[in-house]
């Protein structure tokens, strides 16, 4: 039996340093994402200090990926052309040594998008795979959730995440009440966040984009996925205190992403 992953892997100071690097370098992040969340994803990247580029056509995707710091491939609303663009972007990213993130939205629930996710995961090398519990279990051979909604808690998908991480030499990040992030050897658990995150369209998709951004500046995919998760969920904690519902929360979340300092991130981080 393979050894269980270690929990004592990252320290709060590393999260602060990662955010400092993000703000210093303002990475260009190419997002091939779904039509529902493109605007929110771009605004989240801008608020965090990044440069978003929503280039998702098959003619430009490969070349643009090669000049980006990180690339997000999100399967929220796939079309034939965008699927081709995703394949092209992955080729461009890997050819230029650019890290890319796979977000297999609703994997397991719908066959075609599941096949695309498995194709990209099996034939290429994402730095990070980010999903909810049901999506990660589906990539490991299980069933999907209720459309884009998970029917499995993040901790129920840890074994599948570890297996996927070891098989594909990547980081797997499982979003939930306590986020679980592993490279197959190390496991980071983050207990920040607020239920209002599940009432705003695009929060998880923005998280994938932030992971691509951090991957472009840290050189450590585990730290990138964990720092992005920490940034979004700590910002959510602050946003919830000043909001009255999903609408004001979405606005406050962007404000918190912009205002959160590296020092505050380290101080407010809750490692489980």
Protein backbone atom coordinates (compact mmCIF):
# COMPACT_ATOMS: atom_id res chain seq x y z
CA UNK A 1 0.00 0.00 0.00
CA UNK A 2 1.30 3.48 -0.87
CA UNK A 3 2.14 5.70 2.11
CA UNK A 4 -0.38 8.33 3.14
CA UNK A 5 0.51 11.92 2.22
CA UNK A 6 2.20 14.15 4.78
CA UNK A 7 0.24 17.01 6.33
CA UNK A 8 3.17 19.20 7.46
CA UNK A 9 4.10 20.60 4.07
CA UNK A 10 3.48 24.35 3.77
CA UNK A 11 3.79 27.25 6.20
CA UNK A 12 1.82 30.54 6.28
CA UNK A 13 4.92 32.52 5.30
CA UNK A 14 5.04 30.65 1.99
CA UNK A 15 1.50 31.76 1.20
CA UNK A 16 2.45 35.37 1.90
CA UNK A 17 5.54 35.12 -0.29
CA UNK A 18 3.46 33.62 -3.11
CA UNK A 19 0.98 36.50 -3.00
CA UNK A 20 3.82 39.00 -2.92
CA UNK A 21 5.29 37.38 -6.03
CA UNK A 22 1.89 37.46 -7.75
CA UNK A 23 1.50 41.18 -7.11
CA UNK A 24 5.09 41.89 -8.17
CA UNK A 25 4.90 40.02 -11.46
CA UNK A 26 1.23 40.54 -12.45
CA UNK A 27 1.17 37.33 -14.53
CA UNK A 28 -0.66 37.10 -17.85
CA UNK A 29 -3.25 34.31 -17.53
CA UNK A 30 -4.99 32.84 -20.56
CA UNK A 31 -8.46 31.57 -19.68
CA UNK A 32 -10.37 29.14 -21.86
CA UNK A 33 -13.41 29.13 -19.65
CA UNK A 34 -17.16 28.98 -19.78
CA UNK A 35 -19.48 31.67 -21.04
CA UNK A 36 -21.30 31.92 -17.71
CA UNK A 37 -18.28 33.07 -15.71
CA UNK A 38 -15.84 34.76 -18.11
CA UNK A 39 -16.51 38.27 -16.83
CA UNK A 40 -16.29 37.33 -13.16
CA UNK A 41 -13.13 35.30 -13.74
CA UNK A 42 -11.45 38.21 -15.50
CA UNK A 43 -12.47 40.60 -12.72
CA UNK A 44 -11.20 38.22 -10.03
CA UNK A 45 -7.81 38.01 -11.76
CA UNK A 46 -7.65 41.78 -12.13
CA UNK A 47 -8.60 42.31 -8.50
CA UNK A 48 -5.89 39.91 -7.36
CA UNK A 49 -3.27 41.76 -9.42
CA UNK A 50 -3.08 39.63 -12.58
CA UNK A 51 -3.61 40.28 -16.29
CA UNK A 52 -6.45 38.15 -17.70
CA UNK A 53 -6.80 37.19 -21.37
CA UNK A 54 -9.94 35.34 -22.42
CA UNK A 55 -8.48 33.92 -25.64
CA UNK A 56 -10.45 30.79 -26.48
CA UNK A 57 -10.50 30.52 -30.26
CA UNK A 58 -8.69 27.72 -32.07
CA UNK A 59 -6.66 30.04 -34.32
CA UNK A 60 -4.97 31.95 -31.49
CA UNK A 61 -5.08 29.64 -28.48
CA UNK A 62 -1.81 27.79 -29.07
CA UNK A 63 0.30 30.86 -29.71
CA UNK A 64 -1.23 32.83 -26.89
CA UNK A 65 -0.68 30.03 -24.41
CA UNK A 66 3.01 30.05 -25.27
CA UNK A 67 3.37 33.70 -24.20
CA UNK A 68 1.26 33.42 -21.06
CA UNK A 69 2.46 32.80 -17.51
CA UNK A 70 -0.33 30.30 -16.88
CA UNK A 71 -3.32 28.81 -18.69
CA UNK A 72 -6.75 27.74 -17.44
CA UNK A 73 -8.74 25.07 -19.29
CA UNK A 74 -12.28 25.05 -17.88
CA UNK A 75 -14.92 22.70 -19.29
CA UNK A 76 -17.99 24.55 -18.04
CA UNK A 77 -19.64 25.13 -21.43
CA UNK A 78 -17.62 23.26 -24.07
CA UNK A 79 -18.28 23.62 -27.80
CA UNK A 80 -16.55 21.89 -30.71
CA UNK A 81 -14.40 24.92 -31.48
CA UNK A 82 -13.51 25.64 -27.88
CA UNK A 83 -12.61 22.00 -27.35
CA UNK A 84 -10.19 22.31 -30.28
CA UNK A 85 -8.90 25.56 -28.81
CA UNK A 86 -8.31 23.83 -25.48
CA UNK A 87 -6.25 21.14 -27.16
CA UNK A 88 -4.28 23.81 -29.00
CA UNK A 89 -3.72 25.85 -25.85
CA UNK A 90 -2.43 22.81 -24.00
CA UNK A 91 0.01 22.10 -26.86
CA UNK A 92 1.20 25.68 -26.77
CA UNK A 93 1.57 25.74 -23.02
CA UNK A 94 3.47 22.48 -22.82
CA UNK A 95 5.69 23.41 -25.75
CA UNK A 96 6.71 26.61 -23.96
CA UNK A 97 6.91 25.14 -20.47
CA UNK A 98 3.89 27.13 -19.27
CA UNK A 99 1.85 25.54 -16.42
CA UNK A 100 -1.79 24.90 -17.12
CA UNK A 101 -4.78 24.04 -14.94
CA UNK A 102 -7.58 21.63 -15.81
CA UNK A 103 -11.00 22.36 -14.31
CA UNK A 104 -13.23 19.41 -15.33
CA UNK A 105 -16.58 21.05 -14.65
CA UNK A 106 -19.38 18.47 -14.36
CA UNK A 107 -17.07 15.58 -15.24
CA UNK A 108 -18.93 12.33 -14.81
CA UNK A 109 -22.32 13.95 -15.28
CA UNK A 110 -22.18 14.37 -19.09
CA UNK A 111 -20.23 11.93 -21.33
CA UNK A 112 -18.74 14.26 -23.96
CA UNK A 113 -17.15 16.74 -21.58
CA UNK A 114 -15.98 13.85 -19.42
CA UNK A 115 -14.21 12.35 -22.43
CA UNK A 116 -12.47 15.67 -23.14
CA UNK A 117 -11.31 15.95 -19.53
CA UNK A 118 -9.97 12.40 -19.54
CA UNK A 119 -8.28 12.99 -22.91
CA UNK A 120 -6.50 16.13 -21.70
CA UNK A 121 -5.53 14.50 -18.42
CA UNK A 122 -4.32 11.28 -20.02
CA UNK A 123 -2.41 12.67 -22.99
CA UNK A 124 -0.96 15.80 -21.40
CA UNK A 125 0.46 17.06 -18.13
CA UNK A 126 -1.56 19.64 -16.21
CA UNK A 127 0.18 21.31 -13.31
CA UNK A 128 -3.08 21.29 -11.35
CA UNK A 129 -6.44 19.55 -11.64
CA UNK A 130 -9.10 21.47 -9.70
CA UNK A 131 -12.62 20.26 -9.04
CA UNK A 132 -15.26 19.45 -6.49
CA UNK A 133 -15.47 16.05 -4.85
CA UNK A 134 -17.73 14.49 -7.47
CA UNK A 135 -15.62 15.75 -10.38
CA UNK A 136 -12.42 14.35 -8.91
CA UNK A 137 -14.08 11.02 -8.15
CA UNK A 138 -15.36 10.90 -11.74
CA UNK A 139 -11.87 11.38 -13.15
CA UNK A 140 -10.78 8.45 -10.99
CA UNK A 141 -13.51 6.25 -12.47
CA UNK A 142 -16.47 7.04 -10.23
CA UNK A 143 -19.76 8.75 -10.92
CA UNK A 144 -20.24 12.46 -11.30
CA UNK A 145 -22.44 14.76 -9.27
CA UNK A 146 -25.73 16.55 -9.89
CA UNK A 147 -24.76 18.51 -12.98
CA UNK A 148 -22.14 21.02 -11.85
CA UNK A 149 -23.02 20.45 -8.18
CA UNK A 150 -21.05 17.99 -6.09
CA UNK A 151 -22.76 15.18 -4.23
CA UNK A 152 -19.51 14.20 -2.50
CA UNK A 153 -17.67 16.15 0.18
CA UNK A 154 -14.07 17.11 -0.46
CA UNK A 155 -12.75 14.72 2.20
CA UNK A 156 -14.53 11.83 0.48
CA UNK A 157 -12.39 12.42 -2.61
CA UNK A 158 -8.98 12.57 -0.93
CA UNK A 159 -7.97 9.01 -1.81
CA UNK A 160 -9.00 9.57 -5.43
CA UNK A 161 -7.10 12.87 -5.48
CA UNK A 162 -3.94 11.23 -4.15
CA UNK A 163 -4.23 8.45 -6.73
CA UNK A 164 -4.72 10.90 -9.60
CA UNK A 165 -1.85 13.08 -8.40
CA UNK A 166 0.53 10.13 -8.26
CA UNK A 167 -0.64 8.66 -11.57
CA UNK A 168 -0.42 11.91 -13.52
CA UNK A 169 2.41 13.64 -11.61
CA UNK A 170 0.27 16.69 -10.90
CA UNK A 171 -1.44 18.48 -8.05
CA UNK A 172 -5.10 17.73 -7.42
CA UNK A 173 -7.17 20.31 -5.56
CA UNK A 174 -10.58 19.33 -4.21
CA UNK A 175 -12.82 22.23 -3.25
CA UNK A 176 -15.25 21.95 -0.35
CA UNK A 177 -15.98 23.10 3.17
CA UNK A 178 -12.36 22.16 3.91
CA UNK A 179 -10.30 22.27 0.74
CA UNK A 180 -7.99 19.31 0.15
CA UNK A 181 -4.89 19.84 -2.01
CA UNK A 182 -2.33 17.14 -2.73
CA UNK A 183 0.60 16.32 -4.97
CA UNK A 184 0.36 12.68 -3.95
CA UNK A 185 3.02 13.05 -1.26
CA UNK A 186 1.94 16.18 0.58
CA UNK A 187 -1.57 17.19 1.62
CA UNK A 188 -2.68 20.72 2.46
CA UNK A 189 -6.08 21.32 4.05
CA UNK A 190 -7.52 24.85 4.18
CA UNK A 191 -10.53 25.60 6.36
CA UNK A 192 -11.24 29.20 5.33
CA UNK A 193 -14.23 30.15 3.19
CA UNK A 194 -17.93 30.89 3.53
CA UNK A 195 -21.14 29.20 2.28
CA UNK A 196 -21.92 32.28 0.14
CA UNK A 197 -19.16 31.11 -2.21
CA UNK A 198 -21.62 28.45 -3.37
CA UNK A 199 -24.24 31.12 -4.14
CA UNK A 200 -22.08 33.09 -6.57
CA UNK A 201 -21.67 31.82 -10.11
CA UNK A 202 -18.01 31.48 -11.02
CA UNK A 203 -16.23 31.38 -7.68
CA UNK A 204 -14.78 27.92 -8.34
CA UNK A 205 -13.94 28.82 -11.92
CA UNK A 206 -12.14 31.96 -10.73
CA UNK A 207 -10.23 29.75 -8.32
CA UNK A 208 -8.90 27.69 -11.22
CA UNK A 209 -7.73 30.87 -12.94
CA UNK A 210 -5.99 32.04 -9.77
CA UNK A 211 -4.25 28.66 -9.56
CA UNK A 212 -2.92 29.16 -13.09
CA UNK A 213 -1.73 32.63 -12.08
CA UNK A 214 0.11 31.41 -8.99
CA UNK A 215 1.57 28.47 -10.93
CA UNK A 216 3.14 30.97 -13.28
CA UNK A 217 5.03 32.75 -10.50
CA UNK A 218 5.84 30.14 -7.84
CA UNK A 219 7.34 27.17 -9.68
CA UNK A 220 5.63 24.88 -7.13
CA UNK A 221 2.24 23.57 -8.23
CA UNK A 222 1.20 22.54 -4.71
CA UNK A 223 1.98 25.99 -3.35
CA UNK A 224 0.24 27.57 -6.34
CA UNK A 225 -2.99 25.64 -5.81
CA UNK A 226 -2.89 26.18 -2.05
CA UNK A 227 -2.08 29.89 -2.28
CA UNK A 228 -4.90 30.47 -4.77
CA UNK A 229 -7.32 28.60 -2.53
CA UNK A 230 -6.16 30.56 0.49
CA UNK A 231 -6.48 33.88 -1.31
CA UNK A 232 -10.03 33.22 -2.49
CA UNK A 233 -11.31 31.69 0.74
CA UNK A 234 -9.70 34.20 3.10
CA UNK A 235 -11.11 36.96 0.89
CA UNK A 236 -14.50 35.25 1.16
CA UNK A 237 -14.29 35.34 4.94
CA UNK A 238 -13.83 39.09 4.82
CA UNK A 239 -16.45 39.63 2.14
CA UNK A 240 -19.09 37.77 4.11
CA UNK A 241 -18.70 40.17 7.03
CA UNK A 242 -19.66 43.20 4.92
CA UNK A 243 -22.33 41.69 2.64
CA UNK A 244 -26.05 41.04 2.94
CA UNK A 245 -26.49 38.27 0.38
CA UNK A 246 -25.02 36.81 -2.81
CA UNK A 247 -25.11 40.05 -4.82
CA UNK A 248 -23.25 42.24 -2.36
CA UNK A 249 -20.99 39.29 -1.51
CA UNK A 250 -19.80 38.98 -5.13
CA UNK A 251 -18.83 42.66 -5.18
CA UNK A 252 -17.23 42.49 -1.75
CA UNK A 253 -15.26 39.42 -2.78
CA UNK A 254 -13.59 41.33 -5.61
CA UNK A 255 -12.81 44.16 -3.19
CA UNK A 256 -11.26 41.73 -0.71
CA UNK A 257 -9.17 40.04 -3.41
CA UNK A 258 -7.77 43.48 -4.22
CA UNK A 259 -7.24 44.64 -0.64
CA UNK A 260 -5.86 41.49 0.99
CA UNK A 261 -2.17 41.87 1.82
CA UNK A 262 0.37 39.05 2.01
CA UNK A 263 0.70 39.61 5.74
CA UNK A 264 -3.07 39.49 6.30
CA UNK A 265 -3.31 36.35 4.20
CA UNK A 266 -0.75 34.57 6.36
CA UNK A 267 -2.37 35.78 9.58
CA UNK A 268 -5.94 34.81 8.65
CA UNK A 269 -5.11 31.49 6.99
CA UNK A 270 -6.61 28.41 8.68
CA UNK A 271 -4.62 25.27 7.92
CA UNK A 272 -6.65 22.27 9.06
